[in-house]
Amino acid sequence: MTGQIALLLRVFILLPLAGLSATLPFVTFDKAAGLITIDVNAASIAAAVVLYGLVSGGTFAWSRWAKALGGKT
C-alpha cells in the first residue's frame, strides 16, 4: 500500500510540480553548474497572487461546495 501511495504522490504531485516549476519565470537552471536558482522575491509575489485568488475569488466555489453538502450560504 505504501508503494502505491508513493507512486500516486510522485505521479500526481511531484512530477507536475517539477514541470510547473520549470516553466515559471522565477526558476532558472544553469546547465554548466547544474544549479536550480529560485528568485524568492518573485516566487513570494506569485504565491501571494495565487493565495489571494483562492481566498477571494474562490469564495464562490467554496460556497457552492458548502451548499452542495447541505449548508446555507
Protein backbone atom coordinates (compact mmCIF):
# COMPACT_ATOMS: atom_id res chain seq x y z
CA MET A 1 0.00 0.00 0.00
CA THR A 2 2.77 2.46 0.81
CA GLY A 3 4.31 1.80 -2.60
CA GLN A 4 1.05 2.78 -4.25
CA ILE A 5 0.80 5.95 -2.17
CA ALA A 6 4.36 6.88 -3.06
CA LEU A 7 3.61 6.29 -6.73
CA LEU A 8 0.48 8.43 -6.59
CA LEU A 9 2.35 11.24 -4.82
CA ARG A 10 5.15 11.13 -7.36
CA VAL A 11 2.91 10.96 -10.43
CA PHE A 12 0.17 13.36 -9.40
CA ILE A 13 2.04 15.85 -7.20
CA LEU A 14 5.81 15.83 -7.55
CA LEU A 15 6.15 15.40 -11.31
CA PRO A 16 3.53 18.05 -12.19
CA LEU A 17 5.13 20.45 -9.70
CA ALA A 18 8.55 19.85 -11.24
CA GLY A 19 7.16 20.55 -14.71
CA LEU A 20 5.37 23.65 -13.49
CA SER A 21 8.44 24.97 -11.73
CA ALA A 22 10.46 24.54 -14.91
CA THR A 23 8.08 26.87 -16.76
CA LEU A 24 7.89 29.55 -14.09
CA PRO A 25 9.80 32.76 -14.84
CA PHE A 26 11.44 32.92 -11.41
CA VAL A 27 13.07 29.47 -11.69
CA THR A 28 16.23 29.17 -13.78
CA PHE A 29 18.52 26.22 -14.42
CA ASP A 30 22.23 26.63 -15.09
CA LYS A 31 23.36 23.58 -17.09
CA ALA A 32 27.08 24.28 -16.67
CA ALA A 33 26.90 24.43 -12.87
CA GLY A 34 23.93 22.08 -12.52
CA LEU A 35 22.12 24.54 -10.25
CA ILE A 36 18.47 25.50 -9.99
CA THR A 37 18.05 29.11 -8.92
CA ILE A 38 14.78 30.44 -7.49
CA ASP A 39 14.13 34.16 -7.19
CA VAL A 40 12.47 34.15 -3.77
CA ASN A 41 11.05 37.66 -4.12
CA ALA A 42 9.24 36.86 -7.38
CA ALA A 43 8.16 33.46 -6.04
CA SER A 44 6.62 35.05 -2.94
CA ILE A 45 4.71 37.54 -5.08
CA ALA A 46 3.40 34.72 -7.27
CA ALA A 47 2.40 32.71 -4.18
CA ALA A 48 0.58 35.76 -2.78
CA VAL A 49 -1.36 36.18 -6.03
CA VAL A 50 -2.39 32.53 -6.02
CA LEU A 51 -3.37 32.67 -2.34
CA TYR A 52 -5.39 35.86 -2.87
CA GLY A 53 -7.16 34.27 -5.84
CA LEU A 54 -8.04 31.19 -3.82
CA VAL A 55 -9.32 33.17 -0.86
CA SER A 56 -11.18 35.97 -2.61
CA GLY A 57 -12.20 34.58 -5.99
CA GLY A 58 -12.52 31.08 -4.63
CA THR A 59 -15.23 32.04 -2.17
CA PHE A 60 -17.87 31.41 -4.82
CA ALA A 61 -16.54 27.91 -5.38
CA TRP A 62 -16.40 27.28 -1.62
CA SER A 63 -19.99 28.49 -1.21
CA ARG A 64 -21.19 26.18 -4.00
CA TRP A 65 -19.37 23.27 -2.34
CA ALA A 66 -20.89 24.07 1.07
CA LYS A 67 -24.34 24.42 -0.45
CA ALA A 68 -23.97 21.05 -2.21
CA LEU A 69 -23.26 19.48 1.18
CA GLY A 70 -26.48 20.95 2.55
CA GLY A 71 -25.13 24.09 4.18
CA LYS A 72 -26.54 27.59 3.86
CA THR A 73 -24.51 30.33 2.22
